[in-house]
N, C-alpha and C. Protein backbone atom coordinates (compact mmCIF):
# COMPACT_ATOMS: atom_id res chain seq x y z
N MET A 1 0.77 -1.11 0.27
CA MET A 1 -0.16 -0.56 0.28
C MET A 1 0.90 1.23 0.38
N SER A 2 0.65 2.03 -0.83
CA SER A 2 1.21 3.60 -0.84
C SER A 2 0.50 4.62 -0.60
N ILE A 3 0.74 5.56 0.31
CA ILE A 3 0.23 6.36 1.21
C ILE A 3 1.57 7.85 0.44
N LEU A 4 0.66 9.02 1.24
CA LEU A 4 1.51 10.14 1.26
C LEU A 4 1.80 10.47 2.23
N THR A 5 3.31 11.25 2.22
CA THR A 5 3.72 11.93 3.72
C THR A 5 4.94 12.60 3.07
N SER A 6 4.67 13.37 4.39
CA SER A 6 5.71 14.97 4.19
C SER A 6 7.47 14.39 5.12
N VAL A 7 8.30 14.85 4.12
CA VAL A 7 9.27 14.69 4.53
C VAL A 7 9.97 15.64 5.25
N ILE A 8 10.58 15.29 6.32
CA ILE A 8 11.17 16.04 7.96
C ILE A 8 12.34 16.44 7.40
N ASN A 9 13.69 15.34 7.15
CA ASN A 9 14.57 15.29 6.61
C ASN A 9 15.04 14.00 6.28
N SER A 10 16.32 13.98 5.57
CA SER A 10 16.89 12.69 4.99
C SER A 10 18.85 13.05 5.81
N VAL A 11 19.08 11.21 6.04
CA VAL A 11 20.43 10.98 6.33
C VAL A 11 20.91 10.38 5.86
N LEU A 12 22.17 10.26 5.32
CA LEU A 12 22.71 9.50 4.34
C LEU A 12 23.52 8.08 5.20
N ASP A 13 22.89 6.61 5.18
CA ASP A 13 23.74 5.78 5.93
C ASP A 13 24.12 4.31 4.91
N GLY A 14 25.40 4.59 4.52
CA GLY A 14 26.26 3.50 4.16
C GLY A 14 25.60 3.28 2.59
N GLY A 15 25.13 4.58 1.98
CA GLY A 15 25.12 4.78 0.88
C GLY A 15 23.48 4.85 0.62
N TYR A 16 22.89 4.76 1.42
CA TYR A 16 21.81 4.83 1.13
C TYR A 16 21.15 6.26 1.92
N ARG A 17 20.14 6.09 1.30
CA ARG A 17 19.61 7.92 2.21
C ARG A 17 18.36 7.47 2.29
N VAL A 18 17.95 7.97 3.58
CA VAL A 18 17.19 6.84 4.83
C VAL A 18 16.21 8.41 4.92
N MET A 19 15.34 8.27 4.26
CA MET A 19 13.88 9.33 4.63
C MET A 19 13.31 9.48 5.89
N LYS A 20 12.88 11.01 6.71
CA LYS A 20 12.30 10.44 8.10
C LYS A 20 11.23 11.19 7.40
N VAL A 21 10.12 10.61 7.51
CA VAL A 21 8.68 11.15 6.92
C VAL A 21 7.64 11.01 8.00
N LEU A 22 6.79 11.78 7.72
CA LEU A 22 5.74 12.00 9.18
C LEU A 22 4.13 11.91 7.41
N ARG A 23 3.58 10.28 8.05
CA ARG A 23 2.71 9.99 7.42
C ARG A 23 1.19 10.64 7.56
N PHE A 24 0.50 11.07 6.56
CA PHE A 24 -0.66 11.49 6.55
C PHE A 24 -1.46 10.75 7.47
N GLY A 25 -2.61 11.36 8.10
CA GLY A 25 -3.63 11.09 8.96
C GLY A 25 -2.66 10.04 10.08
N LYS A 26 -1.72 10.52 10.40
CA LYS A 26 -1.12 9.81 11.51
C LYS A 26 -0.06 10.84 12.33
N SER A 27 0.45 10.76 13.41
CA SER A 27 1.03 11.29 14.00
C SER A 27 2.24 10.69 14.23
N ASP A 28 2.56 10.08 13.90
CA ASP A 28 3.85 9.06 13.63
C ASP A 28 4.80 9.34 12.72
N VAL A 29 5.99 9.56 13.02
CA VAL A 29 7.16 9.54 12.29
C VAL A 29 7.98 8.55 11.69
N GLN A 30 7.96 8.08 10.70
CA GLN A 30 8.49 6.59 10.32
C GLN A 30 9.99 7.36 9.47
N THR A 31 10.34 6.24 9.34
CA THR A 31 11.72 5.81 8.75
C THR A 31 11.37 5.08 7.45
N ALA A 32 12.01 5.40 6.14
CA ALA A 32 11.91 4.29 4.74
C ALA A 32 13.24 5.01 4.06
N ASP A 33 13.61 3.63 3.23
CA ASP A 33 14.83 4.16 2.36
C ASP A 33 14.39 4.86 1.19
N GLU A 34 14.92 5.93 0.17
CA GLU A 34 14.61 6.23 -0.77
C GLU A 34 15.05 5.28 -1.78
N ALA A 35 13.89 4.95 -3.37
CA ALA A 35 14.49 4.55 -4.32
C ALA A 35 14.17 5.52 -5.33
N THR A 36 15.46 5.54 -6.29
CA THR A 36 15.17 6.46 -7.08
C THR A 36 15.79 6.05 -8.23
N PRO A 37 15.75 6.05 -9.55
CA PRO A 37 16.23 5.65 -10.94
C PRO A 37 17.73 5.97 -10.46
N TYR A 38 18.49 4.77 -11.25
CA TYR A 38 19.66 4.61 -11.34
C TYR A 38 20.49 5.98 -12.01
N GLY A 39 21.73 6.09 -11.11
CA GLY A 39 22.57 7.59 -11.96
C GLY A 39 21.73 8.86 -10.98
N LEU A 40 20.60 8.61 -10.44
CA LEU A 40 20.14 10.09 -9.52
C LEU A 40 20.71 10.16 -8.51
N ASP A 41 20.89 10.94 -7.92
CA ASP A 41 21.31 10.98 -6.60
C ASP A 41 20.69 12.46 -6.35
N SER A 42 20.02 12.68 -5.39
CA SER A 42 19.07 13.99 -4.88
C SER A 42 18.97 13.93 -3.73
N SER A 43 18.37 15.07 -2.77
CA SER A 43 17.74 14.33 -1.59
C SER A 43 16.65 15.72 -1.53
N ALA A 44 15.77 15.43 -1.10
CA ALA A 44 14.26 16.25 -0.98
C ALA A 44 14.56 17.44 -0.16
N VAL A 45 14.02 18.05 -0.02
CA VAL A 45 13.65 19.36 1.06
C VAL A 45 12.48 19.03 1.94
N LYS A 46 12.68 19.82 2.96
CA LYS A 46 11.84 19.43 4.04
C LYS A 46 10.56 19.73 3.64
N ASP A 47 9.11 18.90 3.92
CA ASP A 47 7.55 19.56 3.75
C ASP A 47 7.56 18.65 2.04
N MET A 48 8.44 18.46 1.10
CA MET A 48 8.00 17.85 0.00
C MET A 48 7.70 17.07 0.48
N ILE A 49 6.24 16.58 -0.45
CA ILE A 49 5.19 15.38 -0.63
C ILE A 49 5.87 14.19 -1.05
N ALA A 50 5.82 12.94 -0.45
CA ALA A 50 6.83 11.85 -0.98
C ALA A 50 5.90 10.49 -0.45
N VAL A 51 6.07 9.62 -2.00
CA VAL A 51 5.29 8.89 -1.95
C VAL A 51 5.88 7.69 -1.02
N PHE A 52 5.32 6.90 0.23
CA PHE A 52 6.00 6.26 1.05
C PHE A 52 4.88 4.51 0.71
N SER A 53 5.77 3.63 0.65
CA SER A 53 5.00 2.50 0.19
C SER A 53 5.78 1.28 0.97
N ASP A 54 4.69 0.60 1.69
CA ASP A 54 5.39 -0.68 2.26
C ASP A 54 6.30 -1.65 1.66
N THR A 55 6.71 -2.66 1.54
CA THR A 55 7.56 -3.75 0.62
C THR A 55 6.89 -4.95 1.47
N VAL A 56 7.63 -6.56 0.79
CA VAL A 56 6.69 -7.22 0.88
C VAL A 56 7.58 -7.69 2.44
N THR A 57 8.49 -7.39 2.30
CA THR A 57 9.73 -7.26 4.00
C THR A 57 9.40 -6.57 4.96
N LYS A 58 8.62 -7.48 5.75
CA LYS A 58 8.00 -5.90 6.77
C LYS A 58 8.95 -5.07 7.70
N GLY A 59 8.40 -3.88 7.48
CA GLY A 59 9.54 -3.14 8.63
C GLY A 59 10.78 -2.89 7.32
N GLU A 60 10.72 -3.01 6.22
CA GLU A 60 11.59 -2.33 5.19
C GLU A 60 10.86 -1.16 4.37
N PRO A 61 10.09 -0.17 4.53
CA PRO A 61 9.41 0.45 3.27
C PRO A 61 10.46 1.36 2.88
N VAL A 62 9.70 1.92 1.49
CA VAL A 62 10.52 3.02 0.72
C VAL A 62 9.85 3.93 0.67
N ILE A 63 10.67 5.29 0.04
CA ILE A 63 9.80 6.42 -0.97
C ILE A 63 10.24 6.15 -2.03
N ILE A 64 9.36 6.11 -2.83
CA ILE A 64 9.41 5.65 -4.21
C ILE A 64 9.02 6.96 -5.09
N GLY A 65 8.97 8.28 -4.58
CA GLY A 65 8.72 8.59 -5.58
C GLY A 65 8.22 10.50 -4.59
N TYR A 66 7.95 11.75 -5.35
CA TYR A 66 7.35 12.67 -5.34
C TYR A 66 6.45 13.01 -5.49
N LEU A 67 6.05 14.33 -5.36
CA LEU A 67 4.85 14.80 -5.68
C LEU A 67 5.55 16.50 -6.04
N ASN A 68 6.15 16.49 -7.50
CA ASN A 68 6.51 17.33 -7.68
C ASN A 68 5.76 18.74 -8.05
N LYS A 69 5.94 19.77 -7.59
CA LYS A 69 5.60 21.17 -7.95
C LYS A 69 5.85 22.28 -8.87
N GLN A 70 7.37 21.64 -9.35
CA GLN A 70 8.04 22.54 -9.87
C GLN A 70 8.34 22.01 -11.58
N GLN A 71 7.20 21.24 -11.94
CA GLN A 71 7.56 20.33 -13.60
C GLN A 71 7.44 21.90 -14.27
N LEU A 72 8.04 21.67 -15.44
CA LEU A 72 8.27 22.46 -16.49
C LEU A 72 8.35 22.04 -17.62
N ALA A 73 8.96 20.63 -17.75
CA ALA A 73 9.61 19.69 -18.93
C ALA A 73 7.93 19.77 -19.88
N GLN A 74 8.21 19.56 -21.00
CA GLN A 74 7.12 19.12 -21.87
C GLN A 74 7.07 18.10 -22.48
N PRO A 75 6.56 17.21 -23.23
CA PRO A 75 6.53 15.99 -23.65
C PRO A 75 7.77 15.70 -23.97
N GLY A 76 8.73 14.51 -24.10
CA GLY A 76 9.82 14.79 -24.94
C GLY A 76 11.13 15.31 -23.72
N GLU A 77 11.05 16.17 -23.14
CA GLU A 77 12.44 16.67 -22.71
C GLU A 77 12.65 16.32 -20.86
N PHE A 78 13.97 16.75 -20.55
CA PHE A 78 14.37 16.57 -19.20
C PHE A 78 14.91 17.49 -19.05
N ARG A 79 14.37 17.38 -17.36
CA ARG A 79 14.94 18.62 -16.73
C ARG A 79 15.32 18.54 -15.59
N LEU A 80 16.96 18.72 -15.06
CA LEU A 80 17.19 18.43 -13.82
C LEU A 80 17.54 19.57 -13.26
N TYR A 81 17.48 20.08 -11.92
CA TYR A 81 17.31 21.28 -11.12
C TYR A 81 17.64 20.95 -9.62
N SER A 82 18.42 22.32 -9.05
CA SER A 82 18.66 21.76 -7.85
C SER A 82 17.53 23.23 -6.81
N THR A 83 17.41 23.36 -5.67
CA THR A 83 16.92 23.82 -5.34
C THR A 83 17.43 24.62 -3.83
N ASP A 84 17.52 25.41 -3.31
CA ASP A 84 17.58 25.77 -2.14
C ASP A 84 16.89 24.93 -0.45
N ASN A 85 17.28 25.30 0.64
CA ASN A 85 16.55 24.07 1.37
C ASN A 85 15.15 24.85 1.47
N ASP A 86 14.63 25.49 0.99
CA ASP A 86 12.95 26.30 1.07
C ASP A 86 12.41 25.70 -0.14
N GLY A 87 12.72 25.10 -1.04
CA GLY A 87 12.65 24.81 -2.63
C GLY A 87 12.61 25.92 -3.84
N ASN A 88 13.25 27.02 -3.14
CA ASN A 88 13.60 27.73 -4.19
C ASN A 88 14.53 27.69 -5.40
N LEU A 89 14.30 27.41 -6.51
CA LEU A 89 14.89 27.10 -7.98
C LEU A 89 16.34 27.68 -7.65
N ILE A 90 17.53 27.11 -7.55
CA ILE A 90 18.98 27.71 -7.92
C ILE A 90 19.33 27.70 -9.04
N THR A 91 19.76 26.42 -9.48
CA THR A 91 20.09 26.07 -11.13
C THR A 91 19.20 24.60 -11.61
N TYR A 92 19.32 24.83 -12.90
CA TYR A 92 18.97 23.83 -13.50
C TYR A 92 19.72 23.36 -15.17
N ILE A 93 19.59 21.95 -15.96
CA ILE A 93 19.74 21.67 -17.15
C ILE A 93 18.39 21.31 -17.33
N TRP A 94 18.02 21.79 -18.64
CA TRP A 94 17.03 21.53 -19.54
C TRP A 94 16.94 21.27 -20.84
N LEU A 95 17.11 19.41 -21.12
CA LEU A 95 17.24 19.46 -22.02
C LEU A 95 15.83 19.33 -23.58
N HIS A 96 15.84 20.37 -23.89
CA HIS A 96 14.66 20.64 -24.93
C HIS A 96 14.29 19.75 -25.69
N ASN A 97 13.04 19.01 -26.07
CA ASN A 97 12.48 18.07 -27.08
C ASN A 97 13.31 18.64 -28.47
N ALA A 98 13.06 17.60 -29.53
CA ALA A 98 13.70 17.89 -31.27
C ALA A 98 12.95 18.87 -31.83
N ALA A 99 11.27 18.60 -31.12
CA ALA A 99 9.91 19.48 -31.62
C ALA A 99 10.54 20.66 -31.63
N GLY A 100 10.90 21.43 -31.04
CA GLY A 100 11.05 22.34 -30.19
C GLY A 100 12.64 23.08 -31.21
N ASP A 101 13.88 22.69 -30.49
CA ASP A 101 15.31 23.22 -31.29
C ASP A 101 16.23 22.46 -30.60
N GLY A 102 15.94 21.43 -29.82
CA GLY A 102 16.80 20.69 -29.49
C GLY A 102 18.02 21.01 -28.42
N GLN A 103 17.42 22.48 -27.98
CA GLN A 103 18.58 22.73 -26.87
C GLN A 103 18.62 22.46 -25.52
N ILE A 104 19.66 22.86 -25.38
CA ILE A 104 20.04 22.61 -23.91
C ILE A 104 20.65 23.69 -23.17
N GLU A 105 19.45 24.04 -21.89
CA GLU A 105 19.96 25.18 -21.01
C GLU A 105 20.83 24.93 -20.18
N LEU A 106 21.86 25.75 -19.68
CA LEU A 106 22.59 25.31 -18.17
C LEU A 106 22.52 26.67 -17.80
N GLY A 107 21.26 26.92 -16.96
CA GLY A 107 20.73 28.00 -15.75
C GLY A 107 20.10 28.73 -16.35
N GLY A 108 20.21 28.83 -18.01
CA GLY A 108 19.42 30.14 -18.32
C GLY A 108 19.73 30.20 -19.61
N THR A 109 19.20 31.22 -20.29
CA THR A 109 19.28 31.40 -21.71
C THR A 109 19.97 32.75 -22.13
N THR A 110 20.44 33.53 -21.63
CA THR A 110 20.77 34.68 -21.59
C THR A 110 21.87 34.81 -22.30
N ASP A 111 23.20 33.98 -22.61
CA ASP A 111 24.43 33.54 -23.56
C ASP A 111 23.99 32.71 -24.59
N ASN A 112 25.56 32.58 -25.15
CA ASN A 112 25.48 31.23 -26.00
C ASN A 112 27.13 30.62 -25.39
N ALA A 113 26.72 29.64 -25.31
CA ALA A 113 28.10 28.57 -25.19
C ALA A 113 28.67 28.34 -26.53
N VAL A 114 30.33 28.45 -26.52
CA VAL A 114 31.33 28.48 -27.57
C VAL A 114 32.03 26.90 -27.88
N LEU A 115 32.31 26.62 -29.11
CA LEU A 115 33.02 25.65 -29.18
C LEU A 115 34.47 26.16 -28.94
N TYR A 116 35.42 26.23 -27.92
CA TYR A 116 36.20 27.33 -27.63
C TYR A 116 37.40 26.75 -28.59
N SER A 117 38.06 25.72 -28.55
CA SER A 117 38.37 25.07 -29.69
C SER A 117 38.33 25.91 -31.18
N LYS A 118 37.79 26.01 -31.85
CA LYS A 118 37.12 26.14 -33.19
C LYS A 118 37.19 27.67 -33.27
N LEU A 119 36.68 28.37 -31.67
CA LEU A 119 36.87 29.90 -31.44
C LEU A 119 38.19 30.14 -31.81
N GLU A 120 39.22 29.68 -30.53
CA GLU A 120 40.76 29.93 -30.24
C GLU A 120 41.21 29.80 -31.61
N THR A 121 40.92 28.82 -32.80
CA THR A 121 41.77 28.94 -33.72
C THR A 121 41.45 29.84 -35.03
N ALA A 122 40.25 30.39 -34.57
CA ALA A 122 39.81 31.56 -35.44
C ALA A 122 40.04 32.44 -34.97
N PHE A 123 40.50 32.93 -33.73
CA PHE A 123 40.71 33.89 -33.20
C PHE A 123 42.56 34.15 -33.04
N ASN A 124 42.92 33.17 -33.22
CA ASN A 124 44.69 32.83 -33.33
C ASN A 124 44.65 33.41 -35.11
N GLN A 125 44.18 33.09 -36.07
CA GLN A 125 44.17 33.27 -37.44
C GLN A 125 43.94 34.97 -37.15
N LEU A 126 42.96 34.95 -36.67
CA LEU A 126 42.75 36.73 -36.98
C LEU A 126 43.86 37.85 -36.34
N LYS A 127 44.49 37.19 -35.34
CA LYS A 127 45.36 37.87 -34.63
C LYS A 127 46.60 37.49 -35.11
N ASN A 128 47.31 36.59 -36.08
CA ASN A 128 48.13 36.39 -36.90
C ASN A 128 48.20 37.27 -38.31
N ASP A 129 47.14 37.56 -38.36
CA ASP A 129 46.77 38.36 -39.90
C ASP A 129 47.13 39.64 -39.36
N PHE A 130 46.53 39.89 -38.04
CA PHE A 130 46.68 41.48 -37.85
C PHE A 130 48.16 41.52 -37.19
N ASN A 131 48.60 40.98 -36.80
CA ASN A 131 50.22 41.15 -36.73
C ASN A 131 51.29 41.06 -38.15
N ASN A 132 50.77 40.37 -38.69
CA ASN A 132 51.37 40.76 -40.12
C ASN A 132 51.25 41.56 -41.15
N PHE A 133 49.77 42.15 -40.72
CA PHE A 133 49.83 43.84 -41.29
C PHE A 133 50.18 44.62 -40.72
N VAL A 134 50.73 44.31 -39.13
CA VAL A 134 51.44 45.44 -38.41
C VAL A 134 53.13 45.61 -39.14
N THR A 135 53.23 44.37 -39.19
CA THR A 135 54.65 44.17 -39.69
C THR A 135 54.77 44.80 -41.09
N ILE A 136 54.00 44.54 -41.91
CA ILE A 136 54.10 45.09 -43.39
C ILE A 136 53.83 47.04 -43.13
N PHE A 137 52.78 47.66 -42.33
CA PHE A 137 52.57 48.62 -42.35
C PHE A 137 53.96 49.09 -41.42
N ASN A 138 54.40 48.51 -40.74
CA ASN A 138 55.49 49.38 -39.99
C ASN A 138 57.02 49.70 -40.97
N SER A 139 57.11 48.65 -41.98
CA SER A 139 58.50 48.39 -42.51
C SER A 139 58.34 49.20 -44.38
N HIS A 140 56.53 49.57 -44.01
CA HIS A 140 56.84 50.12 -46.28
C HIS A 140 56.98 51.28 -45.96
N VAL A 141 57.65 51.36 -46.97
CA VAL A 141 58.16 52.63 -47.87
C VAL A 141 57.48 53.30 -49.29
N HIS A 142 57.17 54.69 -49.04
CA HIS A 142 56.18 54.66 -50.80
C HIS A 142 57.66 55.33 -51.75
N PRO A 143 57.47 54.56 -52.66
CA PRO A 143 58.51 54.06 -53.58
C PRO A 143 58.34 55.93 -54.68
N GLY A 144 59.01 56.72 -55.32
CA GLY A 144 58.79 57.50 -56.01
C GLY A 144 58.60 58.97 -55.55
N VAL A 145 59.13 58.77 -53.93
CA VAL A 145 58.90 60.46 -54.00
C VAL A 145 59.89 60.83 -54.10
N GLN A 146 60.09 61.96 -54.67
CA GLN A 146 61.55 63.11 -54.63
C GLN A 146 61.85 63.80 -53.72
N THR A 147 62.86 63.59 -53.93
CA THR A 147 63.65 64.61 -52.78
C THR A 147 62.99 65.75 -52.55
N GLY A 148 63.13 66.34 -51.28
CA GLY A 148 62.23 67.31 -50.58
C GLY A 148 60.82 67.71 -50.89
N GLY A 149 60.30 65.98 -51.55
CA GLY A 149 58.94 66.27 -51.54
C GLY A 149 58.05 64.96 -50.41
N GLY A 150 58.81 64.69 -49.61
CA GLY A 150 58.38 64.16 -48.78
C GLY A 150 59.54 63.12 -48.15
N SER A 151 59.11 62.38 -47.50
CA SER A 151 59.85 61.40 -47.05
C SER A 151 59.52 59.61 -47.26
N SER A 152 60.51 58.89 -47.72
CA SER A 152 60.21 57.94 -48.43
C SER A 152 60.65 56.64 -47.26
N ALA A 153 61.43 57.33 -45.76
CA ALA A 153 61.88 56.41 -45.25
C ALA A 153 60.42 55.35 -44.03
N VAL A 154 61.08 54.74 -43.42
CA VAL A 154 60.15 53.77 -42.46
C VAL A 154 58.68 54.84 -42.14
N THR A 155 57.95 54.70 -41.70
CA THR A 155 56.74 55.45 -41.12
C THR A 155 57.21 56.02 -39.66
N THR A 156 56.76 57.13 -39.38
CA THR A 156 57.17 57.22 -37.89
C THR A 156 56.17 56.95 -36.95
N THR A 157 54.62 56.78 -37.14
CA THR A 157 53.85 56.03 -36.26
C THR A 157 53.81 54.78 -36.34
N LEU A 158 54.34 54.32 -35.71
CA LEU A 158 54.46 52.63 -35.73
C LEU A 158 53.15 51.67 -35.33
N GLY A 159 52.60 50.74 -35.95
CA GLY A 159 51.83 50.10 -35.27
C GLY A 159 52.55 48.83 -34.26
N THR A 160 51.74 48.41 -33.38
CA THR A 160 52.00 47.24 -32.42
C THR A 160 51.34 46.00 -32.70
N ASP A 161 51.92 45.09 -32.16
CA ASP A 161 51.38 43.36 -32.67
C ASP A 161 50.24 43.90 -31.39
N SER A 162 48.95 43.02 -31.63
CA SER A 162 48.14 42.47 -30.69
C SER A 162 48.80 41.49 -30.01
N SER A 163 47.78 42.02 -28.27
CA SER A 163 48.58 41.01 -27.09
C SER A 163 47.00 40.73 -27.14
N ALA A 164 45.84 40.44 -27.59
CA ALA A 164 44.83 40.29 -27.11
C ALA A 164 44.72 38.55 -26.89
N ASP A 165 44.17 38.13 -25.69
CA ASP A 165 44.25 36.94 -25.55
C ASP A 165 42.81 36.02 -25.16
N ILE A 166 42.27 35.21 -25.44
CA ILE A 166 41.07 34.62 -25.49
C ILE A 166 40.93 33.86 -24.09
N THR A 167 42.16 33.12 -23.87
CA THR A 167 42.15 32.21 -22.59
C THR A 167 41.25 32.52 -21.17
N PRO A 168 41.21 33.59 -20.92
CA PRO A 168 40.23 33.68 -19.51
C PRO A 168 38.60 33.18 -20.10
N ALA A 169 38.41 33.53 -21.50
CA ALA A 169 37.04 33.02 -21.63
C ALA A 169 36.80 31.67 -21.61
N LYS A 170 37.81 30.72 -21.15
CA LYS A 170 37.90 29.48 -21.74
C LYS A 170 36.85 28.85 -20.29
N ASN A 171 36.16 27.87 -19.96
CA ASN A 171 35.12 27.72 -19.21
C ASN A 171 35.88 25.96 -19.01
N ASN A 172 36.66 25.71 -18.03
CA ASN A 172 36.93 24.11 -18.29
C ASN A 172 36.06 23.66 -17.42
N LYS A 173 34.80 23.84 -16.72
CA LYS A 173 34.09 23.04 -16.22
C LYS A 173 32.77 22.45 -16.81
N ILE A 174 32.59 23.35 -18.20
CA ILE A 174 31.49 22.83 -19.32
C ILE A 174 32.47 22.25 -20.34
N LYS A 175 32.70 21.13 -20.63
CA LYS A 175 32.58 20.28 -21.84
C LYS A 175 31.78 19.95 -23.01
N THR A 176 32.03 19.80 -24.14
CA THR A 176 31.04 19.90 -25.22
C THR A 176 31.61 18.82 -26.30
N LEU A 177 30.75 18.71 -27.24
CA LEU A 177 31.49 17.45 -28.60
C LEU A 177 32.17 18.12 -29.10
């Protein structure tokens, strides 16, 4: 039999998350191991409504899920999020469905991620082209200038090589294809 409960707290015990819950309709506090999909590790906040279920082994109930009040994902999408202790959204990863644009949101939509290696290649080419231009500019002369009509010497206002650097823009915490 499954019933709804209210989460009081949780503790980790030997690799298991043991939930302390208050059963609705009863004033007794009980504990149950949390059963979650493989590969997911999360801990529900206080007052989250949990689905508590007895098992065939007497005295070994489990929490089999939660009533999620923050659902936004559409059919075919997956959204993973974290909250503070009061249940307020802190950050998320949202995999949008293919019917949309297949976009992945990492905490928001304000900016775009880039393929750093491809950006670095293009940036370095632009920097090299600029520096080559500065070298040519700094060493150019004006052929055919007559004596007393001007100077054919190297320009007196020299350009300087670029010292631009995009490495501070590299985010080593997010990797992609």
